[in-house]
Amino acid sequence: MFALAALMSLISQVSGTPYISGGDSPAGTDCSGLASWVANVASGRPAFGSRFNTGNIEPALLARGFHYGTAPNSVVIGWNGGHAAVTLPDGTPVSSGESGAGVKVGGGGAYQPQFTNHMYLPVEAAEMNTEPVADAAPQNPPLEPAPPVIPAAPVAPFEPEVPLDPEAAVGEDTAARDEAPAGEGPPPPPAPAATVDPAAPVDPAAPVDPAAPVDPAIPVDPAGEPLAPVAEPGLEVIESQRI
């Protein structure tokens, strides 16, 4: 097999050289001569000194390990009775003699509609990467062993709470209330108001309690002293003097 870097180096070397019919040197070449150089390098041969033409291209490619048809990641050569072109494994087309120019990169390459014949030389996938990666990390690094599992400490059994003694549940607030001195508690209820018996004799010298209930049946003068009852018209007046 071949390295893609060797093919790209060849194309870089001969690109731009003039079209020379039957040429087989860096000075110039024709279409089949360029196909010969690419096929030689791809099969591990020297580029120059063993060229072919469109008349014997098929057996020459078979001798170099090519297969019929096309395939990706391969050197593909297409031709007909009068022209040939190449497509490199990375898809780069190269040719000589197209549009009156010499060796050039570009154009339709091996996949031009005019070509009725195709042969290819496969390239291994590992050889497509021409730049090795330094210090590449492994895709799947080995797994580290898991740390040992430490068992959890035993948990003490649950103990129910001890019921409280009703007699011992008296707090400081209750004791303070029981020991509070007299006079700081709630005030006593008010005593009921005294009532006046209307049948009892009245002492003129006794002071009159303004809060005592007044009997509406006993007339009172402006000074607050009770008056003798006044007889209604037609009735006998028993007393008209002050009591």
Protein backbone atom coordinates (compact mmCIF):
# COMPACT_ATOMS: atom_id res chain seq x y z
CA MET A 1 0.00 0.00 0.00
CA PHE A 2 0.93 3.65 -0.22
CA ALA A 3 0.85 6.77 1.88
CA LEU A 4 -1.32 9.66 0.87
CA ALA A 5 1.51 12.01 1.78
CA ALA A 6 3.67 10.51 -0.99
CA LEU A 7 0.95 11.16 -3.58
CA MET A 8 0.44 14.74 -2.42
CA SER A 9 4.19 15.30 -2.56
CA LEU A 10 4.24 14.05 -6.18
CA ILE A 11 1.36 16.31 -7.24
CA SER A 12 2.99 19.29 -5.53
CA GLN A 13 6.21 18.54 -7.43
CA VAL A 14 4.73 18.28 -10.92
CA SER A 15 1.79 20.70 -10.62
CA GLY A 16 2.03 23.43 -13.23
CA THR A 17 4.39 21.59 -15.57
CA PRO A 18 3.47 21.99 -19.27
CA TYR A 19 1.59 19.44 -21.35
CA ILE A 20 4.09 17.32 -23.28
CA SER A 21 2.78 14.38 -25.31
CA GLY A 22 4.62 11.21 -24.23
CA GLY A 23 6.54 13.11 -21.55
CA ASP A 24 7.82 11.18 -18.56
CA SER A 25 9.80 13.66 -16.44
CA PRO A 26 9.19 16.66 -14.18
CA ALA A 27 9.66 18.77 -17.32
CA GLY A 28 6.13 17.81 -18.42
CA THR A 29 3.78 15.02 -19.46
CA ASP A 30 0.40 14.22 -21.00
CA CYS A 31 -2.83 12.85 -19.42
CA SER A 32 -1.88 9.17 -19.38
CA GLY A 33 1.64 10.04 -18.24
CA LEU A 34 0.22 11.76 -15.13
CA ALA A 35 -2.01 8.72 -14.49
CA SER A 36 1.09 6.52 -14.79
CA TRP A 37 2.99 8.54 -12.19
CA VAL A 38 0.10 8.38 -9.71
CA ALA A 39 -0.41 4.63 -10.26
CA ASN A 40 3.32 3.96 -9.86
CA VAL A 41 3.61 5.82 -6.53
CA ALA A 42 0.36 4.27 -5.27
CA SER A 43 1.70 0.77 -5.93
CA GLY A 44 5.10 1.48 -4.41
CA ARG A 45 7.03 2.02 -7.63
CA PRO A 46 9.20 4.93 -8.75
CA ALA A 47 7.11 7.69 -10.31
CA PHE A 48 9.10 8.00 -13.52
CA GLY A 49 10.44 5.43 -16.02
CA SER A 50 7.48 3.06 -16.42
CA ARG A 51 4.59 4.96 -17.93
CA PHE A 52 1.60 3.66 -19.91
CA ASN A 53 -0.92 5.22 -22.28
CA THR A 54 -4.68 5.05 -22.94
CA GLY A 55 -4.19 2.05 -25.20
CA ASN A 56 -2.66 -0.24 -22.56
CA ILE A 57 -3.90 1.43 -19.34
CA GLU A 58 -6.18 -1.47 -18.31
CA PRO A 59 -3.54 -4.24 -18.10
CA ALA A 60 -1.03 -1.79 -16.64
CA LEU A 61 -3.41 -0.92 -13.78
CA LEU A 62 -4.24 -4.58 -13.15
CA ALA A 63 -0.52 -5.28 -12.87
CA ARG A 64 -0.31 -2.55 -10.20
CA GLY A 65 -3.12 -4.06 -8.06
CA PHE A 66 -6.06 -1.90 -9.24
CA HIS A 67 -9.65 -3.17 -9.31
CA TYR A 68 -12.50 -2.43 -11.69
CA GLY A 69 -14.94 0.28 -10.70
CA THR A 70 -14.72 3.05 -8.11
CA ALA A 71 -14.59 3.17 -4.31
CA PRO A 72 -14.18 5.81 -1.58
CA ASN A 73 -10.78 6.31 0.05
CA SER A 74 -9.09 5.05 -3.10
CA VAL A 75 -7.02 6.21 -6.02
CA VAL A 76 -9.54 6.23 -8.88
CA ILE A 77 -8.49 6.54 -12.54
CA GLY A 78 -11.05 7.15 -15.26
CA TRP A 79 -10.39 7.06 -19.00
CA ASN A 80 -11.70 6.63 -22.53
CA GLY A 81 -9.95 6.19 -25.89
CA GLY A 82 -8.31 9.62 -25.84
CA HIS A 83 -8.10 11.02 -22.30
CA ALA A 84 -7.50 10.02 -18.64
CA ALA A 85 -7.71 11.76 -15.25
CA VAL A 86 -7.23 10.88 -11.58
CA THR A 87 -9.07 11.44 -8.27
CA LEU A 88 -6.95 11.01 -5.13
CA PRO A 89 -8.19 9.20 -1.96
CA ASP A 90 -9.07 12.50 -0.27
CA GLY A 91 -11.23 13.52 -3.28
CA THR A 92 -8.68 15.84 -4.92
CA PRO A 93 -8.97 15.74 -8.75
CA VAL A 94 -5.78 16.04 -10.90
CA SER A 95 -5.22 15.97 -14.66
CA SER A 96 -2.96 17.10 -17.50
CA GLY A 97 -3.90 18.53 -20.87
CA GLU A 98 -7.39 19.77 -19.95
CA SER A 99 -8.34 23.24 -21.24
CA GLY A 100 -4.94 23.55 -22.92
CA ALA A 101 -3.10 23.50 -19.58
CA GLY A 102 -0.47 21.16 -18.23
CA VAL A 103 -0.59 19.32 -14.90
CA LYS A 104 -3.17 20.95 -12.59
CA VAL A 105 -5.21 20.29 -9.51
CA GLY A 106 -8.92 20.64 -10.14
CA GLY A 107 -11.50 19.80 -12.74
CA GLY A 108 -13.73 16.73 -12.87
CA GLY A 109 -11.00 14.19 -12.14
CA ALA A 110 -11.81 10.51 -12.70
CA TYR A 111 -15.59 11.06 -12.41
CA GLN A 112 -16.08 13.02 -15.64
CA PRO A 113 -19.12 11.90 -17.66
CA GLN A 114 -16.92 11.28 -20.72
CA PHE A 115 -15.06 8.42 -19.03
CA THR A 116 -16.49 4.94 -19.66
CA ASN A 117 -13.83 3.02 -17.73
CA HIS A 118 -12.79 3.23 -14.09
CA MET A 119 -10.36 1.35 -11.87
CA TYR A 120 -9.33 1.98 -8.26
CA LEU A 121 -6.68 1.05 -5.69
CA PRO A 122 -8.03 1.06 -2.10
CA VAL A 123 -6.31 2.79 0.78
CA GLU A 124 -6.51 1.39 4.28
CA ALA A 125 -8.22 3.68 6.76
CA ALA A 126 -5.21 3.74 9.08
CA GLU A 127 -3.01 5.07 6.27
CA MET A 128 -5.32 8.02 5.59
CA ASN A 129 -4.11 9.77 8.77
CA THR A 130 -0.66 11.07 7.86
CA GLU A 131 -0.07 13.11 11.05
CA PRO A 132 0.30 10.98 14.19
CA VAL A 133 -1.25 12.39 17.32
CA ALA A 134 1.28 12.72 20.15
CA ASP A 135 0.40 11.77 23.69
CA ALA A 136 -3.10 10.78 22.73
CA ALA A 137 -5.17 9.78 25.72
CA PRO A 138 -6.76 6.32 25.56
CA GLN A 139 -10.40 6.33 24.55
CA ASN A 140 -11.40 3.96 27.34
CA PRO A 141 -9.01 4.28 30.33
CA PRO A 142 -9.07 1.42 32.83
CA LEU A 143 -11.50 1.87 35.64
CA GLU A 144 -10.15 2.31 39.16
CA PRO A 145 -11.40 -0.18 41.77
CA ALA A 146 -14.23 1.13 43.86
CA PRO A 147 -13.37 2.03 47.49
CA PRO A 148 -14.50 -0.46 50.15
CA VAL A 149 -17.90 0.10 51.66
CA ILE A 150 -17.72 1.03 55.38
CA PRO A 151 -20.73 -0.33 57.32
CA ALA A 152 -22.78 2.23 59.18
CA ALA A 153 -22.66 2.42 62.98
CA PRO A 154 -25.49 0.55 64.78
CA VAL A 155 -28.44 2.68 65.80
CA ALA A 156 -29.63 2.54 69.44
CA PRO A 157 -33.16 1.09 69.91
CA PHE A 158 -35.95 3.58 70.42
CA GLU A 159 -37.07 4.09 74.04
CA PRO A 160 -40.55 5.54 74.74
CA GLU A 161 -40.77 8.64 76.89
CA VAL A 162 -41.54 8.24 80.62
CA PRO A 163 -45.10 9.48 81.45
CA LEU A 164 -45.22 12.57 83.63
CA ASP A 165 -46.44 12.52 87.26
CA PRO A 166 -49.49 14.81 87.52
CA GLU A 167 -48.48 15.84 91.04
CA ALA A 168 -44.92 16.63 89.92
CA ALA A 169 -46.04 18.66 86.92
CA VAL A 170 -46.64 21.77 88.98
CA GLY A 171 -44.31 24.45 87.62
CA GLU A 172 -42.93 27.64 89.01
CA ASP A 173 -45.93 29.63 87.76
CA THR A 174 -48.38 27.55 89.83
CA ALA A 175 -46.28 27.74 92.98
CA ALA A 176 -45.89 31.47 92.60
CA ARG A 177 -49.63 31.81 92.21
CA ASP A 178 -50.31 29.75 95.38
CA GLU A 179 -47.80 31.76 97.40
CA ALA A 180 -48.93 35.20 96.23
CA PRO A 181 -49.70 37.55 99.18
CA ALA A 182 -53.24 38.63 99.88
CA GLY A 183 -54.39 41.78 98.16
CA GLU A 184 -52.64 41.02 94.86
CA GLY A 185 -55.37 38.67 93.69
CA PRO A 186 -58.59 39.61 91.90
CA PRO A 187 -60.76 42.21 93.72
CA PRO A 188 -63.82 40.93 95.70
CA PRO A 189 -67.25 41.35 94.13
CA PRO A 190 -69.07 44.62 95.12
CA ALA A 191 -71.58 44.46 97.97
CA PRO A 192 -75.25 44.81 97.05
CA ALA A 193 -76.77 48.29 97.50
CA ALA A 194 -78.91 48.86 100.60
CA THR A 195 -82.65 49.22 100.12
CA VAL A 196 -85.04 51.43 102.12
CA ASP A 197 -88.10 49.93 103.70
CA PRO A 198 -90.95 52.39 103.01
CA ALA A 199 -92.88 51.16 106.12
CA ALA A 200 -90.03 51.97 108.50
CA PRO A 201 -90.23 55.30 110.39
CA VAL A 202 -88.03 58.04 109.06
CA ASP A 203 -85.59 59.80 111.35
CA PRO A 204 -85.61 63.46 110.42
CA ALA A 205 -82.12 63.91 111.81
CA ALA A 206 -80.70 61.04 109.78
CA PRO A 207 -78.84 62.08 106.63
CA VAL A 208 -80.42 61.13 103.36
CA ASP A 209 -78.37 58.75 101.18
CA PRO A 210 -78.49 60.14 97.68
CA ALA A 211 -77.78 56.66 96.28
CA ALA A 212 -80.73 55.07 98.17
CA PRO A 213 -83.77 54.26 96.07
CA VAL A 214 -86.66 56.72 96.41
CA ASP A 215 -90.21 55.54 96.86
CA PRO A 216 -92.28 57.42 94.33
CA ALA A 217 -95.33 57.15 96.60
CA ILE A 218 -93.72 59.44 99.26
CA PRO A 219 -93.60 63.12 98.23
CA VAL A 220 -90.34 64.94 98.91
CA ASP A 221 -89.87 68.69 99.24
CA PRO A 222 -87.03 70.51 97.51
CA ALA A 223 -84.90 70.14 100.60
CA GLY A 224 -85.10 66.39 100.30
CA GLU A 225 -87.41 65.87 103.31
CA PRO A 226 -90.51 63.70 102.91
CA LEU A 227 -93.85 65.51 103.06
CA ALA A 228 -97.16 64.36 104.53
CA PRO A 229 -99.46 62.90 101.94
CA VAL A 230 -101.98 65.34 100.44
CA ALA A 231 -105.54 64.18 100.25
CA GLU A 232 -107.16 63.98 96.90
CA PRO A 233 -110.29 66.17 96.39
CA GLY A 234 -113.35 64.82 98.15
CA LEU A 235 -111.30 62.87 100.71
CA GLU A 236 -110.72 63.67 104.34
CA VAL A 237 -107.37 65.17 105.13
CA ILE A 238 -105.85 63.32 108.00
CA GLU A 239 -102.69 65.41 108.39
CA SER A 240 -101.42 68.45 106.59
CA GLN A 241 -98.44 69.17 108.70
CA ARG A 242 -94.92 68.01 108.31
CA ILE A 243 -94.03 64.70 109.74
